[in-house]
């Protein structure tokens, strides 16, 4: 039993040290944008491992909904657009 645990720990250490494939990594960044409702600057957290994304998020200041749309190219922010949602 002890030999199995040692081999298991060794295998875990070896595989943990291997880099993850690019598609398996979550590439995060932040972006400061202006709320289309109240005009305040807010901070958004973006996952750049997804090439294109659009979602609705509430402003952290005025709580009004806004549509966030962005693209990522090779893990870098390509474009970002924030519009008022109804």
N, C-alpha and C. Protein backbone atom coordinates (compact mmCIF):
# COMPACT_ATOMS: atom_id res chain seq x y z
N UNK A 1 0.83 -1.19 0.00
CA UNK A 1 0.00 0.00 0.00
C UNK A 1 0.87 1.26 0.00
N UNK A 2 1.93 1.26 0.75
CA UNK A 2 2.82 2.43 0.84
C UNK A 2 3.48 2.69 -0.50
N UNK A 3 3.87 1.66 -1.24
CA UNK A 3 4.49 1.81 -2.55
C UNK A 3 3.51 2.46 -3.52
N UNK A 4 2.24 2.06 -3.46
CA UNK A 4 1.22 2.64 -4.34
C UNK A 4 1.08 4.13 -4.08
N UNK A 5 1.03 4.52 -2.79
CA UNK A 5 0.89 5.94 -2.46
C UNK A 5 2.09 6.74 -2.94
N UNK A 6 3.30 6.18 -2.79
CA UNK A 6 4.49 6.87 -3.26
C UNK A 6 4.47 7.05 -4.78
N UNK A 7 4.06 5.99 -5.50
CA UNK A 7 3.98 6.09 -6.96
C UNK A 7 2.89 7.06 -7.37
N UNK A 8 1.77 7.03 -6.65
CA UNK A 8 0.68 7.96 -6.96
C UNK A 8 1.14 9.40 -6.75
N UNK A 9 1.84 9.67 -5.65
CA UNK A 9 2.34 11.02 -5.38
C UNK A 9 3.35 11.45 -6.45
N UNK A 10 4.22 10.54 -6.85
CA UNK A 10 5.22 10.84 -7.88
C UNK A 10 4.53 11.16 -9.21
N UNK A 11 3.55 10.35 -9.59
CA UNK A 11 2.82 10.59 -10.83
C UNK A 11 2.09 11.93 -10.77
N UNK A 12 1.49 12.24 -9.63
CA UNK A 12 0.79 13.51 -9.48
C UNK A 12 1.75 14.68 -9.64
N UNK A 13 2.92 14.59 -9.04
CA UNK A 13 3.91 15.66 -9.15
C UNK A 13 4.39 15.82 -10.58
N UNK A 14 4.60 14.71 -11.28
CA UNK A 14 5.05 14.79 -12.67
C UNK A 14 4.00 15.42 -13.57
N UNK A 15 2.75 14.99 -13.44
CA UNK A 15 1.70 15.53 -14.29
C UNK A 15 1.32 16.95 -13.91
N UNK A 16 1.47 17.32 -12.64
CA UNK A 16 1.18 18.68 -12.22
C UNK A 16 2.17 19.67 -12.80
N UNK A 17 3.38 19.22 -13.06
CA UNK A 17 4.42 20.10 -13.59
C UNK A 17 4.28 20.33 -15.09
N UNK A 18 3.50 19.50 -15.78
CA UNK A 18 3.34 19.65 -17.22
C UNK A 18 2.45 20.86 -17.52
N UNK A 19 2.81 21.63 -18.56
CA UNK A 19 1.95 22.77 -18.91
C UNK A 19 0.64 22.29 -19.50
N UNK A 20 -0.43 23.01 -19.20
CA UNK A 20 -1.74 22.68 -19.76
C UNK A 20 -1.80 23.15 -21.21
N UNK A 21 -2.55 22.44 -22.04
CA UNK A 21 -2.74 22.91 -23.41
C UNK A 21 -3.40 24.29 -23.40
N UNK A 22 -3.15 25.10 -24.42
CA UNK A 22 -3.69 26.45 -24.49
C UNK A 22 -5.20 26.48 -24.33
N UNK A 23 -5.90 25.50 -24.88
CA UNK A 23 -7.35 25.49 -24.80
C UNK A 23 -7.85 25.18 -23.40
N UNK A 24 -7.01 24.57 -22.55
CA UNK A 24 -7.43 24.20 -21.20
C UNK A 24 -7.19 25.32 -20.20
N UNK A 25 -6.40 26.31 -20.54
CA UNK A 25 -6.10 27.39 -19.62
C UNK A 25 -7.18 28.46 -19.66
N UNK A 26 -7.42 29.04 -18.51
CA UNK A 26 -8.34 30.17 -18.45
C UNK A 26 -7.49 31.42 -18.41
N UNK A 27 -7.60 32.22 -19.43
CA UNK A 27 -6.83 33.45 -19.53
C UNK A 27 -7.73 34.60 -19.11
N UNK A 28 -7.43 35.18 -17.98
CA UNK A 28 -8.25 36.25 -17.46
C UNK A 28 -7.55 37.58 -17.57
N UNK A 29 -8.34 38.62 -17.77
CA UNK A 29 -7.83 39.97 -17.73
C UNK A 29 -8.93 40.87 -17.18
N UNK A 30 -8.58 42.08 -16.91
CA UNK A 30 -9.56 43.06 -16.46
C UNK A 30 -9.60 44.21 -17.46
N UNK A 31 -10.72 44.89 -17.49
CA UNK A 31 -10.87 46.06 -18.36
C UNK A 31 -11.72 47.09 -17.64
N UNK A 32 -11.31 48.34 -17.70
CA UNK A 32 -12.11 49.42 -17.15
C UNK A 32 -12.98 49.97 -18.27
N UNK A 33 -14.27 50.04 -18.01
CA UNK A 33 -15.23 50.56 -18.99
C UNK A 33 -16.13 51.58 -18.31
N UNK A 34 -16.79 52.39 -19.13
CA UNK A 34 -17.74 53.37 -18.63
C UNK A 34 -19.15 52.80 -18.73
N UNK A 35 -19.88 52.85 -17.64
CA UNK A 35 -21.26 52.36 -17.64
C UNK A 35 -22.09 53.23 -18.59
N UNK A 36 -22.84 52.61 -19.50
CA UNK A 36 -23.65 53.40 -20.43
C UNK A 36 -24.85 54.08 -19.76
N UNK A 37 -25.14 53.70 -18.51
CA UNK A 37 -26.28 54.29 -17.80
C UNK A 37 -25.85 55.46 -16.91
N UNK A 38 -24.89 55.22 -16.03
CA UNK A 38 -24.52 56.24 -15.04
C UNK A 38 -23.20 56.96 -15.35
N UNK A 39 -22.44 56.41 -16.30
CA UNK A 39 -21.19 57.06 -16.69
C UNK A 39 -20.01 56.78 -15.78
N UNK A 40 -20.20 56.01 -14.74
CA UNK A 40 -19.10 55.67 -13.83
C UNK A 40 -18.17 54.65 -14.47
N UNK A 41 -16.90 54.71 -14.13
CA UNK A 41 -15.92 53.72 -14.59
C UNK A 41 -16.02 52.50 -13.70
N UNK A 42 -16.17 51.34 -14.32
CA UNK A 42 -16.27 50.08 -13.58
C UNK A 42 -15.25 49.10 -14.13
N UNK A 43 -14.96 48.10 -13.34
CA UNK A 43 -13.98 47.08 -13.71
C UNK A 43 -14.69 45.80 -14.10
N UNK A 44 -14.35 45.27 -15.28
CA UNK A 44 -14.90 44.00 -15.74
C UNK A 44 -13.80 42.94 -15.73
N UNK A 45 -14.16 41.71 -15.42
CA UNK A 45 -13.25 40.58 -15.50
C UNK A 45 -13.62 39.78 -16.74
N UNK A 46 -12.66 39.58 -17.64
CA UNK A 46 -12.91 38.92 -18.91
C UNK A 46 -12.10 37.64 -19.04
N UNK A 47 -12.73 36.59 -19.55
CA UNK A 47 -12.08 35.30 -19.79
C UNK A 47 -11.65 35.26 -21.26
N UNK A 48 -10.36 35.40 -21.51
CA UNK A 48 -9.85 35.46 -22.88
C UNK A 48 -9.59 34.09 -23.49
N UNK A 49 -9.93 33.01 -22.76
CA UNK A 49 -9.79 31.68 -23.36
C UNK A 49 -10.96 31.40 -24.29
N UNK A 50 -11.98 32.25 -24.26
CA UNK A 50 -13.14 32.15 -25.15
C UNK A 50 -12.96 33.20 -26.24
N UNK A 51 -13.02 32.79 -27.50
CA UNK A 51 -12.72 33.70 -28.61
C UNK A 51 -13.72 34.84 -28.76
N UNK A 52 -14.99 34.57 -28.51
CA UNK A 52 -16.01 35.60 -28.66
C UNK A 52 -17.09 35.37 -27.62
N UNK A 53 -17.51 36.45 -26.97
CA UNK A 53 -18.50 36.29 -25.92
C UNK A 53 -19.38 37.54 -25.82
N UNK A 54 -20.64 37.31 -25.50
CA UNK A 54 -21.58 38.40 -25.28
C UNK A 54 -22.48 37.99 -24.12
N UNK A 55 -22.61 38.86 -23.14
CA UNK A 55 -23.43 38.55 -21.98
C UNK A 55 -23.95 39.84 -21.35
N UNK A 56 -24.93 39.71 -20.48
CA UNK A 56 -25.49 40.86 -19.78
C UNK A 56 -24.95 40.86 -18.35
N UNK A 57 -24.45 42.02 -17.93
CA UNK A 57 -23.93 42.19 -16.58
C UNK A 57 -24.48 43.48 -16.01
N UNK A 58 -24.80 43.46 -14.73
CA UNK A 58 -25.29 44.67 -14.07
C UNK A 58 -24.11 45.55 -13.67
N UNK A 59 -24.29 46.85 -13.82
CA UNK A 59 -23.27 47.81 -13.38
C UNK A 59 -23.11 47.69 -11.87
N UNK A 60 -21.87 47.69 -11.41
CA UNK A 60 -21.61 47.55 -9.97
C UNK A 60 -21.91 48.83 -9.21
N UNK A 61 -22.18 49.94 -9.92
CA UNK A 61 -22.51 51.21 -9.26
C UNK A 61 -24.01 51.45 -9.25
N UNK A 62 -24.65 51.41 -10.43
CA UNK A 62 -26.07 51.76 -10.51
C UNK A 62 -26.99 50.55 -10.68
N UNK A 63 -26.43 49.37 -10.83
CA UNK A 63 -27.17 48.11 -10.94
C UNK A 63 -28.03 47.97 -12.20
N UNK A 64 -27.81 48.83 -13.18
CA UNK A 64 -28.54 48.74 -14.44
C UNK A 64 -27.86 47.72 -15.35
N UNK A 65 -28.64 46.99 -16.17
CA UNK A 65 -28.05 45.97 -17.03
C UNK A 65 -27.35 46.56 -18.25
N UNK A 66 -26.25 45.95 -18.62
CA UNK A 66 -25.52 46.35 -19.82
C UNK A 66 -25.06 45.10 -20.55
N UNK A 67 -25.00 45.17 -21.87
CA UNK A 67 -24.52 44.06 -22.68
C UNK A 67 -23.03 44.23 -22.91
N UNK A 68 -22.26 43.23 -22.52
CA UNK A 68 -20.81 43.23 -22.70
C UNK A 68 -20.50 42.27 -23.84
N UNK A 69 -19.82 42.75 -24.86
CA UNK A 69 -19.43 41.92 -26.00
C UNK A 69 -17.94 42.12 -26.22
N UNK A 70 -17.22 40.99 -26.34
CA UNK A 70 -15.78 41.12 -26.62
C UNK A 70 -15.27 39.94 -27.43
N UNK A 71 -14.12 40.16 -28.04
CA UNK A 71 -13.42 39.11 -28.77
C UNK A 71 -12.01 39.00 -28.22
N UNK A 72 -11.47 37.80 -28.33
CA UNK A 72 -10.09 37.54 -27.91
C UNK A 72 -9.35 36.89 -29.07
N UNK A 73 -8.11 37.34 -29.29
CA UNK A 73 -7.27 36.80 -30.35
C UNK A 73 -5.98 36.32 -29.71
N UNK A 74 -5.74 35.02 -29.77
CA UNK A 74 -4.53 34.41 -29.19
C UNK A 74 -4.31 34.84 -27.74
N UNK A 75 -5.38 34.85 -26.96
CA UNK A 75 -5.27 35.16 -25.54
C UNK A 75 -5.16 36.64 -25.23
N UNK A 76 -5.31 37.50 -26.23
CA UNK A 76 -5.26 38.95 -26.03
C UNK A 76 -6.63 39.54 -26.37
N UNK A 77 -6.99 40.61 -25.69
CA UNK A 77 -8.27 41.26 -25.94
C UNK A 77 -8.25 41.92 -27.31
N UNK A 78 -9.18 41.51 -28.19
CA UNK A 78 -9.24 42.07 -29.53
C UNK A 78 -10.15 43.29 -29.59
N UNK A 79 -11.36 43.14 -29.09
CA UNK A 79 -12.30 44.25 -29.06
C UNK A 79 -13.21 44.11 -27.85
N UNK A 80 -13.75 45.23 -27.41
CA UNK A 80 -14.65 45.26 -26.25
C UNK A 80 -15.69 46.33 -26.48
N UNK A 81 -16.95 45.97 -26.29
CA UNK A 81 -18.05 46.91 -26.46
C UNK A 81 -19.04 46.73 -25.31
N UNK A 82 -19.49 47.85 -24.74
CA UNK A 82 -20.47 47.83 -23.66
C UNK A 82 -21.62 48.73 -24.06
N UNK A 83 -22.84 48.19 -24.05
CA UNK A 83 -24.03 48.95 -24.42
C UNK A 83 -25.11 48.77 -23.36
N UNK A 84 -25.99 49.75 -23.28
CA UNK A 84 -27.12 49.66 -22.36
C UNK A 84 -28.06 48.55 -22.79
N UNK A 85 -28.53 47.77 -21.84
CA UNK A 85 -29.53 46.73 -22.10
C UNK A 85 -30.86 47.19 -21.56
N UNK A 86 -31.92 46.73 -22.18
CA UNK A 86 -33.25 47.12 -21.68
C UNK A 86 -33.87 46.00 -20.88
